[in-house]
Amino acid sequence: MENEQVADERATDRLILFSDAVVAIAITLLALELPVPAGRDVSEFWKSVREHDGHYLAFLISFAVISASWGQHHRVYRAVARVDAPLRTINMLWLLMIVLNPLATKMLTTEDHDSVATHALRFGFYALLQVIAGLALLAATRRLTEQRLRIGGAPAPSGPGDGRDLHGVIIGFALSIPVFFATTYGWVLWIICPFAANRLGSRVRGRQRADQTA
């Protein structure tokens, strides 16, 4: 019985360490794709920076997106006692979306006077990756709860990052996909929906705390 518990702990540690390593590599690849500014003087140097400002902005967006997704992954898996085959499959799906982020980020900056439809395909692909990654984390949360895979049968984490914030991210990226076929400003939803969900979640948690202390 003790040996089985040790084996479960080692398997869990391997899954989490492997996931962290993949995330670190994906973020590193984002930086490797950045263009290096050049110029013989300061004026030309800053001109070069401005010419590539889209690449730098895309890097910052993807860095923030991957960081947020990794943070959610940490909250989901922080109290895991053991993993099973379905959970490993779900986690690998999440990692696939993370690994594809550098490619999707490069697609965001590959613009050659393309049409609205082509623009929508490039940005829609990026958004779709985030939607699937978010759904994978929700599926992992459900699996952990249903199969009681957390330490001591602990419940799902509550409070900030308990999954309600993740819903805002999923909704924002999902809604932006059809919107991109009408306007190039669908990315605004990537900001508005998570922010609105976070604000709503804060209010709900505030009311819950008030009810508990009343």
Protein backbone atom coordinates (compact mmCIF):
# COMPACT_ATOMS: atom_id res chain seq x y z
CA MET A 1 0.00 0.00 0.00
CA GLU A 2 2.84 2.35 0.89
CA ASN A 3 4.71 1.49 -2.32
CA GLU A 4 1.59 2.23 -4.36
CA GLN A 5 1.24 5.64 -2.71
CA VAL A 6 4.89 6.45 -3.44
CA ALA A 7 4.39 5.40 -7.07
CA ASP A 8 1.32 7.66 -7.36
CA GLU A 9 3.28 10.60 -5.93
CA ARG A 10 6.15 10.05 -8.36
CA ALA A 11 3.76 9.84 -11.31
CA THR A 12 2.07 13.06 -10.23
CA ASP A 13 5.39 14.86 -9.78
CA ARG A 14 6.54 13.71 -13.23
CA LEU A 15 3.38 15.04 -14.86
CA ILE A 16 3.63 18.43 -13.18
CA LEU A 17 7.38 18.81 -13.75
CA PHE A 18 7.01 17.82 -17.39
CA SER A 19 4.18 20.34 -17.83
CA ASP A 20 6.24 23.12 -16.24
CA ALA A 21 9.18 22.32 -18.53
CA VAL A 22 7.00 22.45 -21.65
CA VAL A 23 5.55 25.81 -20.60
CA ALA A 24 9.04 27.18 -19.97
CA ILE A 25 10.19 26.05 -23.42
CA ALA A 26 7.12 27.56 -25.10
CA ILE A 27 7.71 30.94 -23.46
CA THR A 28 11.39 30.80 -24.40
CA LEU A 29 10.49 30.10 -28.04
CA LEU A 30 8.33 33.22 -28.01
CA ALA A 31 11.38 35.33 -27.20
CA LEU A 32 13.56 33.59 -29.79
CA GLU A 33 11.14 34.65 -32.53
CA LEU A 34 11.49 38.35 -31.69
CA PRO A 35 13.25 40.50 -34.32
CA VAL A 36 16.41 42.25 -33.14
CA PRO A 37 16.37 46.06 -33.60
CA ALA A 38 19.16 47.45 -35.78
CA GLY A 39 20.46 50.86 -36.78
CA ARG A 40 23.64 52.85 -37.23
CA ASP A 41 22.45 55.55 -34.84
CA VAL A 42 19.79 56.05 -32.14
CA SER A 43 17.25 57.41 -34.60
CA GLU A 44 17.51 54.40 -36.90
CA PHE A 45 17.50 52.06 -33.92
CA TRP A 46 14.18 53.42 -32.60
CA LYS A 47 12.78 53.42 -36.12
CA SER A 48 13.59 49.72 -36.30
CA VAL A 49 11.86 49.18 -32.96
CA ARG A 50 8.73 50.95 -34.20
CA GLU A 51 8.73 48.88 -37.39
CA HIS A 52 8.59 45.70 -35.30
CA ASP A 53 6.30 46.96 -32.54
CA GLY A 54 3.61 44.47 -33.62
CA HIS A 55 5.98 41.58 -32.93
CA TYR A 56 6.81 42.91 -29.48
CA LEU A 57 3.14 43.45 -28.65
CA ALA A 58 2.25 39.94 -29.81
CA PHE A 59 5.05 38.58 -27.63
CA LEU A 60 3.73 40.41 -24.56
CA ILE A 61 0.18 39.22 -25.23
CA SER A 62 1.25 35.60 -25.63
CA PHE A 63 3.55 35.79 -22.62
CA ALA A 64 0.61 37.03 -20.53
CA VAL A 65 -1.75 34.40 -21.99
CA ILE A 66 0.63 31.49 -21.37
CA SER A 67 1.48 32.79 -17.89
CA ALA A 68 -2.20 33.06 -16.99
CA SER A 69 -2.90 29.57 -18.34
CA TRP A 70 0.06 28.15 -16.40
CA GLY A 71 -1.23 29.89 -13.27
CA GLN A 72 -4.61 28.22 -13.73
CA HIS A 73 -2.84 24.90 -14.33
CA HIS A 74 -0.95 25.35 -11.07
CA ARG A 75 -4.18 26.00 -9.15
CA VAL A 76 -5.88 22.97 -10.69
CA TYR A 77 -3.02 20.54 -10.02
CA ARG A 78 -1.59 21.93 -6.77
CA ALA A 79 -3.39 19.41 -4.50
CA VAL A 80 -3.33 16.38 -6.81
CA ALA A 81 -2.52 13.11 -5.04
CA ARG A 82 -2.54 10.85 -8.08
CA VAL A 83 -3.25 10.95 -11.80
CA ASP A 84 -5.02 8.50 -14.09
CA ALA A 85 -4.90 7.91 -17.84
CA PRO A 86 -7.80 10.26 -18.76
CA LEU A 87 -6.24 13.06 -16.71
CA ARG A 88 -2.88 12.56 -18.45
CA THR A 89 -4.64 12.74 -21.81
CA ILE A 90 -6.39 15.96 -20.84
CA ASN A 91 -3.10 17.41 -19.65
CA MET A 92 -1.36 16.48 -22.91
CA LEU A 93 -4.13 18.23 -24.84
CA TRP A 94 -3.50 21.36 -22.75
CA LEU A 95 0.23 21.09 -23.42
CA LEU A 96 -0.42 20.77 -27.16
CA MET A 97 -2.21 24.11 -27.10
CA ILE A 98 0.69 25.66 -25.16
CA VAL A 99 3.27 24.29 -27.61
CA LEU A 100 1.33 25.72 -30.58
CA ASN A 101 1.27 29.22 -29.07
CA PRO A 102 4.63 30.33 -30.56
CA LEU A 103 3.40 29.33 -34.02
CA ALA A 104 0.07 31.09 -33.48
CA THR A 105 1.88 34.19 -32.20
CA LYS A 106 4.02 34.29 -35.32
CA MET A 107 0.86 34.06 -37.40
CA LEU A 108 -0.49 37.17 -35.67
CA THR A 109 2.41 39.22 -37.00
CA THR A 110 2.49 37.70 -40.50
CA GLU A 111 0.46 40.32 -42.31
CA ASP A 112 0.74 41.12 -46.01
CA HIS A 113 -2.32 43.26 -46.75
CA ASP A 114 -4.52 40.21 -46.23
CA SER A 115 -8.30 40.22 -46.41
CA VAL A 116 -10.64 40.30 -43.43
CA ALA A 117 -11.25 36.56 -43.87
CA THR A 118 -7.54 35.73 -43.85
CA HIS A 119 -7.03 38.00 -40.85
CA ALA A 120 -9.90 36.19 -39.12
CA LEU A 121 -8.32 32.79 -39.80
CA ARG A 122 -4.97 33.86 -38.33
CA PHE A 123 -6.44 35.49 -35.22
CA GLY A 124 -9.18 32.89 -34.96
CA PHE A 125 -6.60 30.11 -34.81
CA TYR A 126 -4.85 31.89 -31.95
CA ALA A 127 -8.15 32.35 -30.11
CA LEU A 128 -9.16 28.72 -30.69
CA LEU A 129 -5.96 27.50 -28.99
CA GLN A 130 -6.82 29.50 -25.88
CA VAL A 131 -10.40 28.21 -25.86
CA ILE A 132 -9.30 24.57 -26.05
CA ALA A 133 -6.61 25.15 -23.39
CA GLY A 134 -9.21 26.65 -21.06
CA LEU A 135 -11.68 23.84 -21.68
CA ALA A 136 -8.92 21.31 -20.98
CA LEU A 137 -8.30 22.88 -17.58
CA LEU A 138 -12.01 22.80 -16.78
CA ALA A 139 -12.11 19.13 -17.85
CA ALA A 140 -9.13 18.41 -15.60
CA THR A 141 -10.86 20.12 -12.67
CA ARG A 142 -13.97 18.02 -13.23
CA ARG A 143 -11.95 14.81 -13.53
CA LEU A 144 -10.08 15.52 -10.30
CA THR A 145 -13.33 16.14 -8.46
CA GLU A 146 -15.29 13.18 -9.84
CA GLN A 147 -12.48 10.67 -9.28
CA ARG A 148 -11.36 12.18 -5.95
CA LEU A 149 -7.77 12.47 -7.15
CA ARG A 150 -6.87 15.34 -4.83
CA ILE A 151 -5.03 14.92 -1.55
CA GLY A 152 -7.44 13.64 1.07
CA GLY A 153 -10.33 14.01 -1.35
CA ALA A 154 -9.96 17.79 -1.12
CA PRO A 155 -12.59 19.83 -2.99
CA ALA A 156 -11.88 22.02 -6.00
CA PRO A 157 -10.00 25.23 -5.13
CA SER A 158 -12.25 28.14 -4.26
CA GLY A 159 -11.62 31.88 -4.36
CA PRO A 160 -9.56 33.73 -7.01
CA GLY A 161 -8.63 31.41 -9.84
CA ASP A 162 -11.24 28.80 -8.88
CA GLY A 163 -12.42 28.48 -12.48
CA ARG A 164 -14.89 31.35 -12.70
CA ASP A 165 -12.16 33.66 -13.99
CA LEU A 166 -11.25 31.00 -16.53
CA HIS A 167 -14.79 31.08 -17.92
CA GLY A 168 -14.29 34.75 -18.82
CA VAL A 169 -11.13 33.90 -20.75
CA ILE A 170 -12.84 31.09 -22.64
CA ILE A 171 -15.89 33.23 -23.47
CA GLY A 172 -13.75 36.17 -24.59
CA PHE A 173 -11.60 34.14 -26.98
CA ALA A 174 -14.56 32.06 -28.23
CA LEU A 175 -16.71 35.10 -29.03
CA SER A 176 -13.83 36.80 -30.82
CA ILE A 177 -13.58 34.04 -33.45
CA PRO A 178 -16.82 34.89 -35.33
CA VAL A 179 -16.35 38.60 -34.60
CA PHE A 180 -13.02 38.57 -36.48
CA PHE A 181 -14.89 37.74 -39.68
CA ALA A 182 -16.72 41.07 -39.36
CA THR A 183 -14.02 43.33 -37.92
CA THR A 184 -10.32 43.16 -37.14
CA TYR A 185 -10.99 44.44 -33.61
CA GLY A 186 -12.29 41.15 -32.24
CA TRP A 187 -9.21 41.00 -30.00
CA VAL A 188 -10.86 43.62 -27.76
CA LEU A 189 -13.00 40.79 -26.37
CA TRP A 190 -9.79 39.11 -25.16
CA ILE A 191 -9.50 41.97 -22.67
CA ILE A 192 -13.10 42.91 -21.92
CA CYS A 193 -14.53 39.46 -21.13
CA PRO A 194 -11.82 38.27 -18.70
CA PHE A 195 -11.87 41.68 -16.99
CA ALA A 196 -15.67 41.59 -16.67
CA ALA A 197 -15.60 38.01 -15.38
CA ASN A 198 -12.92 38.90 -12.85
CA ARG A 199 -14.94 41.87 -11.60
CA LEU A 200 -18.10 39.78 -11.39
CA GLY A 201 -16.24 37.01 -9.58
CA SER A 202 -14.84 39.51 -7.07
CA ARG A 203 -18.34 40.81 -6.33
CA VAL A 204 -19.73 37.30 -5.90
CA ARG A 205 -16.90 36.34 -3.56
CA GLY A 206 -17.40 39.58 -1.63
CA ARG A 207 -21.08 38.83 -1.14
CA GLN A 208 -20.30 35.27 -0.07
CA ARG A 209 -17.84 36.52 2.56
CA ALA A 210 -20.40 39.08 3.75
CA ASP A 211 -23.06 36.39 4.08
CA GLN A 212 -20.69 34.14 6.04
CA THR A 213 -19.79 36.88 8.52
CA ALA A 214 -23.39 38.09 8.90
